[in-house]
Protein backbone atom coordinates (compact mmCIF):
# COMPACT_ATOMS: atom_id res chain seq x y z
CA UNK A 1 0.00 0.00 0.00
CA UNK A 2 1.42 3.36 -1.06
CA UNK A 3 1.66 6.16 1.47
CA UNK A 4 1.85 8.78 -1.27
CA UNK A 5 -0.70 11.58 -0.79
CA UNK A 6 -3.32 11.64 -3.49
CA UNK A 7 -5.33 14.72 -4.33
CA UNK A 8 -8.96 14.28 -5.33
CA UNK A 9 -10.15 17.26 -7.38
CA UNK A 10 -13.64 18.73 -7.45
CA UNK A 11 -15.10 19.86 -10.79
CA UNK A 12 -14.80 23.49 -9.69
CA UNK A 13 -11.00 23.19 -9.66
CA UNK A 14 -11.00 22.46 -13.38
CA UNK A 15 -13.95 24.66 -14.37
CA UNK A 16 -12.78 27.76 -12.49
CA UNK A 17 -9.25 27.41 -13.83
CA UNK A 18 -10.53 27.00 -17.37
CA UNK A 19 -13.06 29.83 -17.28
CA UNK A 20 -11.07 32.31 -15.21
CA UNK A 21 -7.44 32.41 -14.17
CA UNK A 22 -5.70 29.46 -15.89
CA UNK A 23 -7.36 29.27 -19.30
CA UNK A 24 -5.51 27.06 -21.77
CA UNK A 25 -4.16 30.01 -23.78
CA UNK A 26 -2.90 31.92 -20.72
CA UNK A 27 -1.49 29.15 -18.51
CA UNK A 28 -0.73 25.99 -20.50
CA UNK A 29 1.83 25.02 -17.84
CA UNK A 30 -1.00 24.61 -15.29
CA UNK A 31 -2.72 22.02 -17.50
CA UNK A 32 0.56 20.28 -18.31
CA UNK A 33 1.41 20.05 -14.59
CA UNK A 34 -2.03 18.59 -13.83
CA UNK A 35 -1.61 16.04 -16.62
CA UNK A 36 1.83 15.01 -15.33
CA UNK A 37 0.48 14.59 -11.79
CA UNK A 38 -2.61 12.74 -13.06
CA UNK A 39 -0.43 10.42 -15.16
CA UNK A 40 1.62 9.73 -12.01
CA UNK A 41 -1.57 8.85 -10.12
CA UNK A 42 -1.15 11.72 -7.65
CA UNK A 43 -4.07 13.82 -8.92
CA UNK A 44 -7.34 11.96 -9.39
CA UNK A 45 -11.05 12.62 -9.48
CA UNK A 46 -14.18 10.49 -9.64
CA UNK A 47 -16.26 9.26 -12.54
CA UNK A 48 -19.20 11.42 -11.45
CA UNK A 49 -17.11 14.59 -11.75
CA UNK A 50 -16.14 13.58 -15.29
CA UNK A 51 -19.84 13.00 -16.01
CA UNK A 52 -20.65 16.43 -14.56
CA UNK A 53 -18.12 18.12 -16.85
CA UNK A 54 -19.40 16.10 -19.80
CA UNK A 55 -22.98 17.18 -19.04
CA UNK A 56 -22.19 20.85 -19.69
CA UNK A 57 -23.88 21.96 -22.90
CA UNK A 58 -20.97 23.06 -25.02
CA UNK A 59 -18.16 20.95 -26.40
CA UNK A 60 -15.35 23.11 -25.13
CA UNK A 61 -11.63 22.80 -24.66
CA UNK A 62 -12.01 21.67 -21.04
CA UNK A 63 -14.33 18.80 -21.92
CA UNK A 64 -11.98 17.68 -24.70
CA UNK A 65 -8.95 17.90 -22.39
CA UNK A 66 -10.67 15.95 -19.60
CA UNK A 67 -11.66 13.14 -21.96
CA UNK A 68 -8.36 12.87 -23.84
CA UNK A 69 -5.54 14.05 -21.58
CA UNK A 70 -6.62 12.90 -18.10
CA UNK A 71 -9.37 10.37 -18.84
CA UNK A 72 -7.55 7.65 -16.88
CA UNK A 73 -7.41 9.72 -13.66
CA UNK A 74 -11.15 9.35 -12.99
CA UNK A 75 -11.69 6.57 -10.46
CA UNK A 76 -14.92 4.63 -10.14
CA UNK A 77 -17.42 5.29 -7.39
CA UNK A 78 -18.79 1.79 -7.97
CA UNK A 79 -16.57 0.38 -5.24
CA UNK A 80 -17.69 -1.23 -1.97
CA UNK A 81 -15.54 1.06 0.21
CA UNK A 82 -16.79 4.20 -1.57
CA UNK A 83 -20.42 3.03 -1.39
CA UNK A 84 -20.08 2.40 2.35
CA UNK A 85 -18.46 5.83 2.85
CA UNK A 86 -21.23 7.39 0.72
CA UNK A 87 -23.79 5.88 3.08
CA UNK A 88 -21.97 7.49 6.04
CA UNK A 89 -21.74 10.86 4.27
CA UNK A 90 -25.45 10.88 3.42
CA UNK A 91 -26.42 9.77 6.93
CA UNK A 92 -24.35 12.62 8.38
CA UNK A 93 -26.02 15.13 6.02
CA UNK A 94 -29.52 13.85 6.80
CA UNK A 95 -28.86 14.17 10.56
CA UNK A 96 -27.93 17.86 10.31
CA UNK A 97 -30.86 20.06 11.28
CA UNK A 98 -29.01 23.11 9.95
CA UNK A 99 -29.66 22.22 6.31
CA UNK A 100 -32.98 22.48 4.51
CA UNK A 101 -34.69 19.40 3.12
CA UNK A 102 -34.01 20.67 -0.40
CA UNK A 103 -30.29 21.03 0.42
CA UNK A 104 -30.20 17.46 1.72
CA UNK A 105 -32.04 16.11 -1.34
CA UNK A 106 -29.73 17.95 -3.73
CA UNK A 107 -26.62 16.81 -1.85
CA UNK A 108 -27.67 13.16 -2.20
CA UNK A 109 -27.83 13.49 -5.99
CA UNK A 110 -24.77 15.58 -6.90
CA UNK A 111 -21.18 14.51 -7.46
CA UNK A 112 -20.00 16.28 -4.29
CA UNK A 113 -21.35 13.57 -2.00
CA UNK A 114 -19.57 10.87 -4.03
CA UNK A 115 -16.38 12.93 -4.15
CA UNK A 116 -16.40 13.22 -0.36
CA UNK A 117 -17.14 9.49 -0.02
CA UNK A 118 -14.20 8.61 -2.26
CA UNK A 119 -11.88 10.88 -0.26
CA UNK A 120 -13.08 9.24 2.95
CA UNK A 121 -12.82 5.69 1.64
CA UNK A 122 -9.32 6.08 0.18
CA UNK A 123 -7.79 8.72 2.51
CA UNK A 124 -7.39 11.25 -0.31
CA UNK A 125 -7.00 14.99 0.23
CA UNK A 126 -10.02 16.66 -1.33
CA UNK A 127 -9.27 19.73 -3.45
CA UNK A 128 -12.08 22.27 -3.83
CA UNK A 129 -12.68 26.00 -4.11
CA UNK A 130 -15.67 25.74 -1.79
CA UNK A 131 -15.22 27.23 1.67
CA UNK A 132 -16.53 26.27 5.07
CA UNK A 133 -19.70 28.12 6.06
CA UNK A 134 -21.13 27.48 9.53
CA UNK A 135 -24.31 29.44 8.80
CA UNK A 136 -25.34 28.07 5.40
CA UNK A 137 -28.71 26.32 5.15
CA UNK A 138 -29.65 26.08 1.46
CA UNK A 139 -26.78 23.88 0.32
CA UNK A 140 -24.21 21.56 1.89
CA UNK A 141 -20.66 22.73 1.18
CA UNK A 142 -17.92 20.13 0.78
CA UNK A 143 -15.75 21.68 3.56
CA UNK A 144 -18.59 21.46 6.08
CA UNK A 145 -18.81 17.71 5.53
CA UNK A 146 -15.03 17.29 5.43
CA UNK A 147 -14.61 19.06 8.77
CA UNK A 148 -17.32 16.98 10.40
CA UNK A 149 -15.93 13.68 9.09
CA UNK A 150 -12.21 14.53 9.48
CA UNK A 151 -11.43 14.47 5.76
CA UNK A 152 -8.56 16.77 4.78
CA UNK A 153 -9.35 19.40 2.15
CA UNK A 154 -7.38 22.20 0.48
CA UNK A 155 -7.64 24.58 -2.48
CA UNK A 156 -5.86 24.50 -5.85
CA UNK A 157 -3.02 26.74 -4.78
CA UNK A 158 -2.13 24.66 -1.73
CA UNK A 159 -2.27 21.49 -3.84
CA UNK A 160 0.13 23.03 -6.36
CA UNK A 161 2.48 24.09 -3.54
CA UNK A 162 2.32 20.66 -1.91
CA UNK A 163 3.12 19.02 -5.25
CA UNK A 164 6.02 21.41 -5.89
CA UNK A 165 4.43 22.71 -9.08
CA UNK A 166 5.89 25.95 -10.39
CA UNK A 167 4.04 27.65 -13.22
CA UNK A 168 6.30 29.58 -15.51
C-alpha atoms as a PDB file:
ATOM      1  CA  UNK A   1       0.000   0.000   0.000  1.00  0.00           C
ATOM      2  CA  UNK A   2       1.420   3.358  -1.061  1.00  0.00           C
ATOM      3  CA  UNK A   3       1.663   6.160   1.471  1.00  0.00           C
ATOM      4  CA  UNK A   4       1.851   8.785  -1.275  1.00  0.00           C
ATOM      5  CA  UNK A   5      -0.699  11.581  -0.785  1.00  0.00           C
ATOM      6  CA  UNK A   6      -3.323  11.637  -3.492  1.00  0.00           C
ATOM      7  CA  UNK A   7      -5.327  14.724  -4.328  1.00  0.00           C
ATOM      8  CA  UNK A   8      -8.960  14.283  -5.331  1.00  0.00           C
ATOM      9  CA  UNK A   9     -10.148  17.260  -7.382  1.00  0.00           C
ATOM     10  CA  UNK A  10     -13.635  18.733  -7.450  1.00  0.00           C
ATOM     11  CA  UNK A  11     -15.098  19.861 -10.788  1.00  0.00           C
ATOM     12  CA  UNK A  12     -14.802  23.486  -9.691  1.00  0.00           C
ATOM     13  CA  UNK A  13     -11.002  23.189  -9.655  1.00  0.00           C
ATOM     14  CA  UNK A  14     -10.998  22.461 -13.384  1.00  0.00           C
ATOM     15  CA  UNK A  15     -13.948  24.657 -14.374  1.00  0.00           C
ATOM     16  CA  UNK A  16     -12.783  27.761 -12.490  1.00  0.00           C
ATOM     17  CA  UNK A  17      -9.247  27.415 -13.826  1.00  0.00           C
ATOM     18  CA  UNK A  18     -10.531  27.005 -17.370  1.00  0.00           C
ATOM     19  CA  UNK A  19     -13.057  29.826 -17.279  1.00  0.00           C
ATOM     20  CA  UNK A  20     -11.073  32.310 -15.213  1.00  0.00           C
ATOM     21  CA  UNK A  21      -7.437  32.414 -14.175  1.00  0.00           C
ATOM     22  CA  UNK A  22      -5.701  29.462 -15.893  1.00  0.00           C
ATOM     23  CA  UNK A  23      -7.362  29.270 -19.302  1.00  0.00           C
ATOM     24  CA  UNK A  24      -5.508  27.063 -21.771  1.00  0.00           C
ATOM     25  CA  UNK A  25      -4.159  30.010 -23.777  1.00  0.00           C
ATOM     26  CA  UNK A  26      -2.899  31.924 -20.718  1.00  0.00           C
ATOM     27  CA  UNK A  27      -1.488  29.153 -18.515  1.00  0.00           C
ATOM     28  CA  UNK A  28      -0.734  25.988 -20.503  1.00  0.00           C
ATOM     29  CA  UNK A  29       1.830  25.024 -17.836  1.00  0.00           C
ATOM     30  CA  UNK A  30      -0.995  24.610 -15.294  1.00  0.00           C
ATOM     31  CA  UNK A  31      -2.719  22.016 -17.502  1.00  0.00           C
ATOM     32  CA  UNK A  32       0.564  20.278 -18.306  1.00  0.00           C
ATOM     33  CA  UNK A  33       1.410  20.045 -14.592  1.00  0.00           C
ATOM     34  CA  UNK A  34      -2.033  18.592 -13.833  1.00  0.00           C
ATOM     35  CA  UNK A  35      -1.609  16.035 -16.617  1.00  0.00           C
ATOM     36  CA  UNK A  36       1.832  15.008 -15.327  1.00  0.00           C
ATOM     37  CA  UNK A  37       0.481  14.585 -11.787  1.00  0.00           C
ATOM     38  CA  UNK A  38      -2.612  12.745 -13.060  1.00  0.00           C
ATOM     39  CA  UNK A  39      -0.429  10.417 -15.161  1.00  0.00           C
ATOM     40  CA  UNK A  40       1.619   9.727 -12.014  1.00  0.00           C
ATOM     41  CA  UNK A  41      -1.569   8.848 -10.117  1.00  0.00           C
ATOM     42  CA  UNK A  42      -1.154  11.716  -7.655  1.00  0.00           C
ATOM     43  CA  UNK A  43      -4.066  13.821  -8.920  1.00  0.00           C
ATOM     44  CA  UNK A  44      -7.340  11.960  -9.389  1.00  0.00           C
ATOM     45  CA  UNK A  45     -11.052  12.618  -9.479  1.00  0.00           C
ATOM     46  CA  UNK A  46     -14.180  10.488  -9.636  1.00  0.00           C
ATOM     47  CA  UNK A  47     -16.257   9.263 -12.544  1.00  0.00           C
ATOM     48  CA  UNK A  48     -19.198  11.424 -11.449  1.00  0.00           C
ATOM     49  CA  UNK A  49     -17.105  14.587 -11.748  1.00  0.00           C
ATOM     50  CA  UNK A  50     -16.143  13.583 -15.292  1.00  0.00           C
ATOM     51  CA  UNK A  51     -19.844  13.001 -16.008  1.00  0.00           C
ATOM     52  CA  UNK A  52     -20.647  16.434 -14.557  1.00  0.00           C
ATOM     53  CA  UNK A  53     -18.119  18.124 -16.849  1.00  0.00           C
ATOM     54  CA  UNK A  54     -19.404  16.100 -19.802  1.00  0.00           C
ATOM     55  CA  UNK A  55     -22.977  17.183 -19.040  1.00  0.00           C
ATOM     56  CA  UNK A  56     -22.190  20.846 -19.692  1.00  0.00           C
ATOM     57  CA  UNK A  57     -23.878  21.960 -22.898  1.00  0.00           C
ATOM     58  CA  UNK A  58     -20.972  23.059 -25.018  1.00  0.00           C
ATOM     59  CA  UNK A  59     -18.165  20.949 -26.399  1.00  0.00           C
ATOM     60  CA  UNK A  60     -15.350  23.106 -25.132  1.00  0.00           C
ATOM     61  CA  UNK A  61     -11.627  22.803 -24.662  1.00  0.00           C
ATOM     62  CA  UNK A  62     -12.010  21.673 -21.041  1.00  0.00           C
ATOM     63  CA  UNK A  63     -14.326  18.800 -21.922  1.00  0.00           C
ATOM     64  CA  UNK A  64     -11.981  17.684 -24.700  1.00  0.00           C
ATOM     65  CA  UNK A  65      -8.947  17.897 -22.394  1.00  0.00           C
ATOM     66  CA  UNK A  66     -10.666  15.953 -19.597  1.00  0.00           C
ATOM     67  CA  UNK A  67     -11.660  13.145 -21.965  1.00  0.00           C
ATOM     68  CA  UNK A  68      -8.363  12.873 -23.842  1.00  0.00           C
ATOM     69  CA  UNK A  69      -5.544  14.046 -21.583  1.00  0.00           C
ATOM     70  CA  UNK A  70      -6.623  12.903 -18.098  1.00  0.00           C
ATOM     71  CA  UNK A  71      -9.371  10.374 -18.838  1.00  0.00           C
ATOM     72  CA  UNK A  72      -7.550   7.652 -16.881  1.00  0.00           C
ATOM     73  CA  UNK A  73      -7.410   9.718 -13.660  1.00  0.00           C
ATOM     74  CA  UNK A  74     -11.149   9.348 -12.992  1.00  0.00           C
ATOM     75  CA  UNK A  75     -11.687   6.568 -10.463  1.00  0.00           C
ATOM     76  CA  UNK A  76     -14.917   4.631 -10.135  1.00  0.00           C
ATOM     77  CA  UNK A  77     -17.423   5.289  -7.388  1.00  0.00           C
ATOM     78  CA  UNK A  78     -18.795   1.788  -7.972  1.00  0.00           C
ATOM     79  CA  UNK A  79     -16.571   0.377  -5.243  1.00  0.00           C
ATOM     80  CA  UNK A  80     -17.688  -1.230  -1.965  1.00  0.00           C
ATOM     81  CA  UNK A  81     -15.545   1.063   0.210  1.00  0.00           C
ATOM     82  CA  UNK A  82     -16.792   4.196  -1.568  1.00  0.00           C
ATOM     83  CA  UNK A  83     -20.417   3.030  -1.394  1.00  0.00           C
ATOM     84  CA  UNK A  84     -20.077   2.404   2.348  1.00  0.00           C
ATOM     85  CA  UNK A  85     -18.464   5.830   2.851  1.00  0.00           C
ATOM     86  CA  UNK A  86     -21.233   7.394   0.720  1.00  0.00           C
ATOM     87  CA  UNK A  87     -23.789   5.878   3.084  1.00  0.00           C
ATOM     88  CA  UNK A  88     -21.973   7.495   6.036  1.00  0.00           C
ATOM     89  CA  UNK A  89     -21.735  10.864   4.266  1.00  0.00           C
ATOM     90  CA  UNK A  90     -25.447  10.882   3.419  1.00  0.00           C
ATOM     91  CA  UNK A  91     -26.417   9.772   6.932  1.00  0.00           C
ATOM     92  CA  UNK A  92     -24.354  12.625   8.377  1.00  0.00           C
ATOM     93  CA  UNK A  93     -26.020  15.129   6.023  1.00  0.00           C
ATOM     94  CA  UNK A  94     -29.518  13.849   6.804  1.00  0.00           C
ATOM     95  CA  UNK A  95     -28.855  14.168  10.559  1.00  0.00           C
ATOM     96  CA  UNK A  96     -27.934  17.856  10.306  1.00  0.00           C
ATOM     97  CA  UNK A  97     -30.863  20.061  11.277  1.00  0.00           C
ATOM     98  CA  UNK A  98     -29.013  23.112   9.951  1.00  0.00           C
ATOM     99  CA  UNK A  99     -29.656  22.222   6.305  1.00  0.00           C
ATOM    100  CA  UNK A 100     -32.985  22.477   4.506  1.00  0.00           C
ATOM    101  CA  UNK A 101     -34.693  19.401   3.119  1.00  0.00           C
ATOM    102  CA  UNK A 102     -34.011  20.675  -0.397  1.00  0.00           C
ATOM    103  CA  UNK A 103     -30.286  21.029   0.418  1.00  0.00           C
ATOM    104  CA  UNK A 104     -30.196  17.457   1.723  1.00  0.00           C
ATOM    105  CA  UNK A 105     -32.036  16.115  -1.336  1.00  0.00           C
ATOM    106  CA  UNK A 106     -29.734  17.946  -3.731  1.00  0.00           C
ATOM    107  CA  UNK A 107     -26.616  16.813  -1.854  1.00  0.00           C
ATOM    108  CA  UNK A 108     -27.671  13.162  -2.201  1.00  0.00           C
ATOM    109  CA  UNK A 109     -27.829  13.487  -5.994  1.00  0.00           C
ATOM    110  CA  UNK A 110     -24.767  15.584  -6.899  1.00  0.00           C
ATOM    111  CA  UNK A 111     -21.178  14.506  -7.464  1.00  0.00           C
ATOM    112  CA  UNK A 112     -20.000  16.276  -4.289  1.00  0.00           C
ATOM    113  CA  UNK A 113     -21.355  13.569  -2.002  1.00  0.00           C
ATOM    114  CA  UNK A 114     -19.571  10.874  -4.028  1.00  0.00           C
ATOM    115  CA  UNK A 115     -16.378  12.928  -4.152  1.00  0.00           C
ATOM    116  CA  UNK A 116     -16.399  13.220  -0.357  1.00  0.00           C
ATOM    117  CA  UNK A 117     -17.139   9.495  -0.024  1.00  0.00           C
ATOM    118  CA  UNK A 118     -14.201   8.610  -2.257  1.00  0.00           C
ATOM    119  CA  UNK A 119     -11.880  10.880  -0.256  1.00  0.00           C
ATOM    120  CA  UNK A 120     -13.076   9.240   2.954  1.00  0.00           C
ATOM    121  CA  UNK A 121     -12.821   5.691   1.639  1.00  0.00           C
ATOM    122  CA  UNK A 122      -9.323   6.080   0.182  1.00  0.00           C
ATOM    123  CA  UNK A 123      -7.794   8.720   2.507  1.00  0.00           C
ATOM    124  CA  UNK A 124      -7.392  11.250  -0.315  1.00  0.00           C
ATOM    125  CA  UNK A 125      -6.996  14.986   0.227  1.00  0.00           C
ATOM    126  CA  UNK A 126     -10.020  16.661  -1.334  1.00  0.00           C
ATOM    127  CA  UNK A 127      -9.269  19.734  -3.453  1.00  0.00           C
ATOM    128  CA  UNK A 128     -12.078  22.274  -3.834  1.00  0.00           C
ATOM    129  CA  UNK A 129     -12.681  25.998  -4.114  1.00  0.00           C
ATOM    130  CA  UNK A 130     -15.666  25.743  -1.791  1.00  0.00           C
ATOM    131  CA  UNK A 131     -15.220  27.225   1.672  1.00  0.00           C
ATOM    132  CA  UNK A 132     -16.528  26.275   5.075  1.00  0.00           C
ATOM    133  CA  UNK A 133     -19.701  28.118   6.059  1.00  0.00           C
ATOM    134  CA  UNK A 134     -21.127  27.477   9.529  1.00  0.00           C
ATOM    135  CA  UNK A 135     -24.314  29.444   8.799  1.00  0.00           C
ATOM    136  CA  UNK A 136     -25.340  28.070   5.398  1.00  0.00           C
ATOM    137  CA  UNK A 137     -28.705  26.318   5.146  1.00  0.00           C
ATOM    138  CA  UNK A 138     -29.653  26.083   1.460  1.00  0.00           C
ATOM    139  CA  UNK A 139     -26.776  23.879   0.317  1.00  0.00           C
ATOM    140  CA  UNK A 140     -24.214  21.564   1.887  1.00  0.00           C
ATOM    141  CA  UNK A 141     -20.656  22.731   1.185  1.00  0.00           C
ATOM    142  CA  UNK A 142     -17.922  20.134   0.778  1.00  0.00           C
ATOM    143  CA  UNK A 143     -15.750  21.676   3.557  1.00  0.00           C
ATOM    144  CA  UNK A 144     -18.591  21.459   6.079  1.00  0.00           C
ATOM    145  CA  UNK A 145     -18.812  17.712   5.528  1.00  0.00           C
ATOM    146  CA  UNK A 146     -15.034  17.288   5.429  1.00  0.00           C
ATOM    147  CA  UNK A 147     -14.607  19.061   8.767  1.00  0.00           C
ATOM    148  CA  UNK A 148     -17.320  16.975  10.399  1.00  0.00           C
ATOM    149  CA  UNK A 149     -15.928  13.678   9.085  1.00  0.00           C
ATOM    150  CA  UNK A 150     -12.206  14.529   9.482  1.00  0.00           C
ATOM    151  CA  UNK A 151     -11.434  14.474   5.761  1.00  0.00           C
ATOM    152  CA  UNK A 152      -8.559  16.773   4.782  1.00  0.00           C
ATOM    153  CA  UNK A 153      -9.349  19.400   2.149  1.00  0.00           C
ATOM    154  CA  UNK A 154      -7.377  22.203   0.485  1.00  0.00           C
ATOM    155  CA  UNK A 155      -7.635  24.577  -2.476  1.00  0.00           C
ATOM    156  CA  UNK A 156      -5.857  24.500  -5.854  1.00  0.00           C
ATOM    157  CA  UNK A 157      -3.016  26.744  -4.780  1.00  0.00           C
ATOM    158  CA  UNK A 158      -2.130  24.663  -1.728  1.00  0.00           C
ATOM    159  CA  UNK A 159      -2.269  21.489  -3.844  1.00  0.00           C
ATOM    160  CA  UNK A 160       0.130  23.026  -6.359  1.00  0.00           C
ATOM    161  CA  UNK A 161       2.479  24.095  -3.542  1.00  0.00           C
ATOM    162  CA  UNK A 162       2.321  20.655  -1.907  1.00  0.00           C
ATOM    163  CA  UNK A 163       3.120  19.020  -5.245  1.00  0.00           C
ATOM    164  CA  UNK A 164       6.020  21.409  -5.889  1.00  0.00           C
ATOM    165  CA  UNK A 165       4.429  22.715  -9.080  1.00  0.00           C
ATOM    166  CA  UNK A 166       5.893  25.953 -10.393  1.00  0.00           C
ATOM    167  CA  UNK A 167       4.043  27.652 -13.219  1.00  0.00           C
ATOM    168  CA  UNK A 168       6.304  29.583 -15.509  1.00  0.00           C
END
